Each structure stands twice: as structure tokens, then as C-alpha cells.
Amino acid sequence: MTKEKLISDTQTLHRFIQLHCDKKHHDIPKKKGALQVSFKEESLCDLPYHICEECETLFLYAYGKLKNCPHENKPSCRKCPDPCYAKPMWKKMASVMMFSGMQFGLTKIRKIFSK
């Protein structure tokens, strides 16, 4: 994995989890934090977040798995021949990705029709 790919995938992960938390956990207290994205001990960027504790746990778990992915050309996690997620975390992430993916898709459609 390249530095650019790690940054891009981490930002995508952040956007999906942030949207899910904002919409589904709007009534739960949020934590402010910043994830320091690093590649081979080199600090690349800080990614600030404002999410609930449950989503923070998922975000940090997913980042750890992403950062330590053993594949040179990283496949999408759902198509990976060697899945590394624990089953409960896999289910949570699948739910977040499905919900947020739909939300991002609907947002784009609304913009097209509102022009």
C-alpha cells in the first residue's frame, strides 16, 4: 500500500463513519479526537473527528486493520481472500458502509435534481 492510498482510504473510512454517527447516533454524546495517520513510522496527517465512543472504537479498529493490511495491492475488504476483521466488527462496518453509501448516493441524486 502506498502513502497516498492509506490517506485516501482512511479519509473515506472517516467520512463514512462520521456520516453514520451524525445520522444514527445524533442523540449520543460525541467525543472530539484526532487520528494521526502514519505510514511506516512516518506521520502523514492528522484527521480530526467528532463521533460517539462506539463509532470511535470502530474507526480506530478499522484504521488499525487498514494500516496493517498485508496485501501490496489492497483489495476491498469484502473481497479479501484473507479477512482480518473479527465477525462482530465486520458486521458493524458492513452496516455503516451500507447506510453511508446509500446516504452519499442519495445526496448526489438530490443535487442533480435540485438544479
C-alpha atoms as a PDB file:
ATOM      1  CA  MET A   1       0.000   0.000   0.000  1.00  0.00           C
ATOM      2  CA  THR A   2       1.228   3.496  -0.771  1.00  0.00           C
ATOM      3  CA  LYS A   3       1.072   6.561   1.474  1.00  0.00           C
ATOM      4  CA  GLU A   4      -1.477   8.159  -0.825  1.00  0.00           C
ATOM      5  CA  LYS A   5      -3.698   5.060  -0.783  1.00  0.00           C
ATOM      6  CA  LEU A   6      -3.566   4.889   3.026  1.00  0.00           C
ATOM      7  CA  ILE A   7      -4.529   8.572   3.344  1.00  0.00           C
ATOM      8  CA  SER A   8      -7.314   8.233   0.785  1.00  0.00           C
ATOM      9  CA  ASP A   9      -8.763   5.051   2.308  1.00  0.00           C
ATOM     10  CA  THR A  10      -8.558   6.491   5.835  1.00  0.00           C
ATOM     11  CA  GLN A  11     -10.336   9.679   4.752  1.00  0.00           C
ATOM     12  CA  THR A  12     -13.064   7.608   3.082  1.00  0.00           C
ATOM     13  CA  LEU A  13     -13.419   5.496   6.214  1.00  0.00           C
ATOM     14  CA  HIS A  14     -13.674   8.678   8.276  1.00  0.00           C
ATOM     15  CA  ARG A  15     -16.363  10.196   6.022  1.00  0.00           C
ATOM     16  CA  PHE A  16     -18.487   7.052   6.129  1.00  0.00           C
ATOM     17  CA  ILE A  17     -18.254   6.616   9.913  1.00  0.00           C
ATOM     18  CA  GLN A  18     -18.766  10.342  10.579  1.00  0.00           C
ATOM     19  CA  LEU A  19     -21.917  10.415   8.429  1.00  0.00           C
ATOM     20  CA  HIS A  20     -23.269   7.253  10.060  1.00  0.00           C
ATOM     21  CA  CYS A  21     -22.633   8.643  13.545  1.00  0.00           C
ATOM     22  CA  ASP A  22     -24.171  12.044  12.711  1.00  0.00           C
ATOM     23  CA  LYS A  23     -27.358  10.448  11.347  1.00  0.00           C
ATOM     24  CA  LYS A  24     -27.806   7.353  13.529  1.00  0.00           C
ATOM     25  CA  HIS A  25     -26.256   8.490  16.825  1.00  0.00           C
ATOM     26  CA  HIS A  26     -27.286  12.162  16.809  1.00  0.00           C
ATOM     27  CA  ASP A  27     -28.590  11.930  20.392  1.00  0.00           C
ATOM     28  CA  ILE A  28     -25.458  10.281  21.851  1.00  0.00           C
ATOM     29  CA  PRO A  29     -22.652  12.458  23.300  1.00  0.00           C
ATOM     30  CA  LYS A  30     -19.739  12.875  20.872  1.00  0.00           C
ATOM     31  CA  LYS A  31     -16.004  12.772  21.509  1.00  0.00           C
ATOM     32  CA  LYS A  32     -13.554  15.058  19.769  1.00  0.00           C
ATOM     33  CA  GLY A  33     -10.317  13.492  18.740  1.00  0.00           C
ATOM     34  CA  ALA A  34      -7.725  13.330  16.028  1.00  0.00           C
ATOM     35  CA  LEU A  35      -6.317  10.266  14.337  1.00  0.00           C
ATOM     36  CA  GLN A  36      -2.667  10.555  13.435  1.00  0.00           C
ATOM     37  CA  VAL A  37      -2.319   8.770  10.096  1.00  0.00           C
ATOM     38  CA  SER A  38       1.140   7.251   9.749  1.00  0.00           C
ATOM     39  CA  PHE A  39       2.894   5.011   7.269  1.00  0.00           C
ATOM     40  CA  LYS A  40       5.992   3.036   8.228  1.00  0.00           C
ATOM     41  CA  GLU A  41       6.585   5.281  11.260  1.00  0.00           C
ATOM     42  CA  GLU A  42       6.215   8.463   9.156  1.00  0.00           C
ATOM     43  CA  SER A  43       3.448  10.814  10.269  1.00  0.00           C
ATOM     44  CA  LEU A  44       1.360  11.778   7.233  1.00  0.00           C
ATOM     45  CA  CYS A  45      -1.548  13.845   8.573  1.00  0.00           C
ATOM     46  CA  ASP A  46      -3.974  14.337  11.432  1.00  0.00           C
ATOM     47  CA  LEU A  47      -7.608  13.550  10.804  1.00  0.00           C
ATOM     48  CA  PRO A  48      -9.911  15.290  13.314  1.00  0.00           C
ATOM     49  CA  TYR A  49     -13.188  13.586  14.181  1.00  0.00           C
ATOM     50  CA  HIS A  50     -16.257  14.229  16.348  1.00  0.00           C
ATOM     51  CA  ILE A  51     -18.046  10.908  16.875  1.00  0.00           C
ATOM     52  CA  CYS A  52     -19.551   8.819  19.663  1.00  0.00           C
ATOM     53  CA  GLU A  53     -17.496   6.322  21.628  1.00  0.00           C
ATOM     54  CA  GLU A  54     -18.912   3.301  19.750  1.00  0.00           C
ATOM     55  CA  CYS A  55     -18.043   4.834  16.366  1.00  0.00           C
ATOM     56  CA  GLU A  56     -14.609   5.908  17.623  1.00  0.00           C
ATOM     57  CA  THR A  57     -13.881   2.295  18.614  1.00  0.00           C
ATOM     58  CA  LEU A  58     -14.933   1.100  15.155  1.00  0.00           C
ATOM     59  CA  PHE A  59     -12.929   3.862  13.424  1.00  0.00           C
ATOM     60  CA  LEU A  60      -9.721   3.111  15.325  1.00  0.00           C
ATOM     61  CA  TYR A  61     -10.177  -0.645  14.831  1.00  0.00           C
ATOM     62  CA  ALA A  62     -10.755  -0.246  11.085  1.00  0.00           C
ATOM     63  CA  TYR A  63      -7.784   2.131  10.736  1.00  0.00           C
ATOM     64  CA  GLY A  64      -5.556  -0.405  12.510  1.00  0.00           C
ATOM     65  CA  LYS A  65      -6.658  -3.146  10.122  1.00  0.00           C
ATOM     66  CA  LEU A  66      -6.234  -0.852   7.111  1.00  0.00           C
ATOM     67  CA  LYS A  67      -2.778   0.292   8.201  1.00  0.00           C
ATOM     68  CA  ASN A  68      -1.585  -3.276   8.763  1.00  0.00           C
ATOM     69  CA  CYS A  69      -3.094  -4.808   5.630  1.00  0.00           C
ATOM     70  CA  PRO A  70      -0.557  -7.337   4.330  1.00  0.00           C
ATOM     71  CA  HIS A  71      -1.614  -7.040   0.682  1.00  0.00           C
ATOM     72  CA  GLU A  72       0.578  -4.988  -1.652  1.00  0.00           C
ATOM     73  CA  ASN A  73      -2.409  -4.155  -3.873  1.00  0.00           C
ATOM     74  CA  LYS A  74      -5.118  -3.871  -1.244  1.00  0.00           C
ATOM     75  CA  PRO A  75      -8.435  -5.437  -2.284  1.00  0.00           C
ATOM     76  CA  SER A  76     -11.709  -4.141  -0.870  1.00  0.00           C
ATOM     77  CA  CYS A  77     -12.236  -5.791   2.495  1.00  0.00           C
ATOM     78  CA  ARG A  78     -15.384  -7.602   1.422  1.00  0.00           C
ATOM     79  CA  LYS A  79     -13.473  -9.239  -1.464  1.00  0.00           C
ATOM     80  CA  CYS A  80     -10.348 -10.039   0.551  1.00  0.00           C
ATOM     81  CA  PRO A  81      -9.152 -13.659   0.392  1.00  0.00           C
ATOM     82  CA  ASP A  82      -7.812 -13.363   3.983  1.00  0.00           C
ATOM     83  CA  PRO A  83     -10.347 -11.303   6.002  1.00  0.00           C
ATOM     84  CA  CYS A  84      -8.827  -9.888   9.188  1.00  0.00           C
ATOM     85  CA  TYR A  85     -11.882  -8.299  10.828  1.00  0.00           C
ATOM     86  CA  ALA A  86     -13.453 -10.038  13.818  1.00  0.00           C
ATOM     87  CA  LYS A  87     -17.007 -11.088  12.875  1.00  0.00           C
ATOM     88  CA  PRO A  88     -18.820  -8.555  15.173  1.00  0.00           C
ATOM     89  CA  MET A  89     -16.696  -5.674  13.856  1.00  0.00           C
ATOM     90  CA  TRP A  90     -17.214  -6.898  10.287  1.00  0.00           C
ATOM     91  CA  LYS A  91     -20.985  -6.738  10.787  1.00  0.00           C
ATOM     92  CA  LYS A  92     -20.811  -3.235  12.300  1.00  0.00           C
ATOM     93  CA  MET A  93     -18.612  -1.970   9.474  1.00  0.00           C
ATOM     94  CA  ALA A  94     -20.837  -3.548   6.818  1.00  0.00           C
ATOM     95  CA  SER A  95     -23.839  -1.785   8.355  1.00  0.00           C
ATOM     96  CA  VAL A  96     -22.016   1.568   8.444  1.00  0.00           C
ATOM     97  CA  MET A  97     -20.794   1.218   4.862  1.00  0.00           C
ATOM     98  CA  MET A  98     -24.230   0.238   3.555  1.00  0.00           C
ATOM     99  CA  PHE A  99     -26.016   3.073   5.353  1.00  0.00           C
ATOM    100  CA  SER A 100     -23.470   5.760   4.479  1.00  0.00           C
ATOM    101  CA  GLY A 101     -23.088   4.542   0.911  1.00  0.00           C
ATOM    102  CA  MET A 102     -26.826   4.976   0.418  1.00  0.00           C
ATOM    103  CA  GLN A 103     -26.709   8.402   2.033  1.00  0.00           C
ATOM    104  CA  PHE A 104     -23.857   9.566  -0.184  1.00  0.00           C
ATOM    105  CA  GLY A 105     -25.662   8.209  -3.250  1.00  0.00           C
ATOM    106  CA  LEU A 106     -28.897   9.950  -2.331  1.00  0.00           C
ATOM    107  CA  THR A 107     -27.045  13.193  -1.690  1.00  0.00           C
ATOM    108  CA  LYS A 108     -25.630  13.132  -5.228  1.00  0.00           C
ATOM    109  CA  ILE A 109     -29.052  12.386  -6.731  1.00  0.00           C
ATOM    110  CA  ARG A 110     -30.662  15.251  -4.801  1.00  0.00           C
ATOM    111  CA  LYS A 111     -28.038  17.674  -6.122  1.00  0.00           C
ATOM    112  CA  ILE A 112     -28.723  16.605  -9.713  1.00  0.00           C
ATOM    113  CA  PHE A 113     -32.496  17.044  -9.402  1.00  0.00           C
ATOM    114  CA  SER A 114     -32.300  20.326  -7.494  1.00  0.00           C
ATOM    115  CA  LYS A 115     -30.502  22.086 -10.364  1.00  0.00           C
END
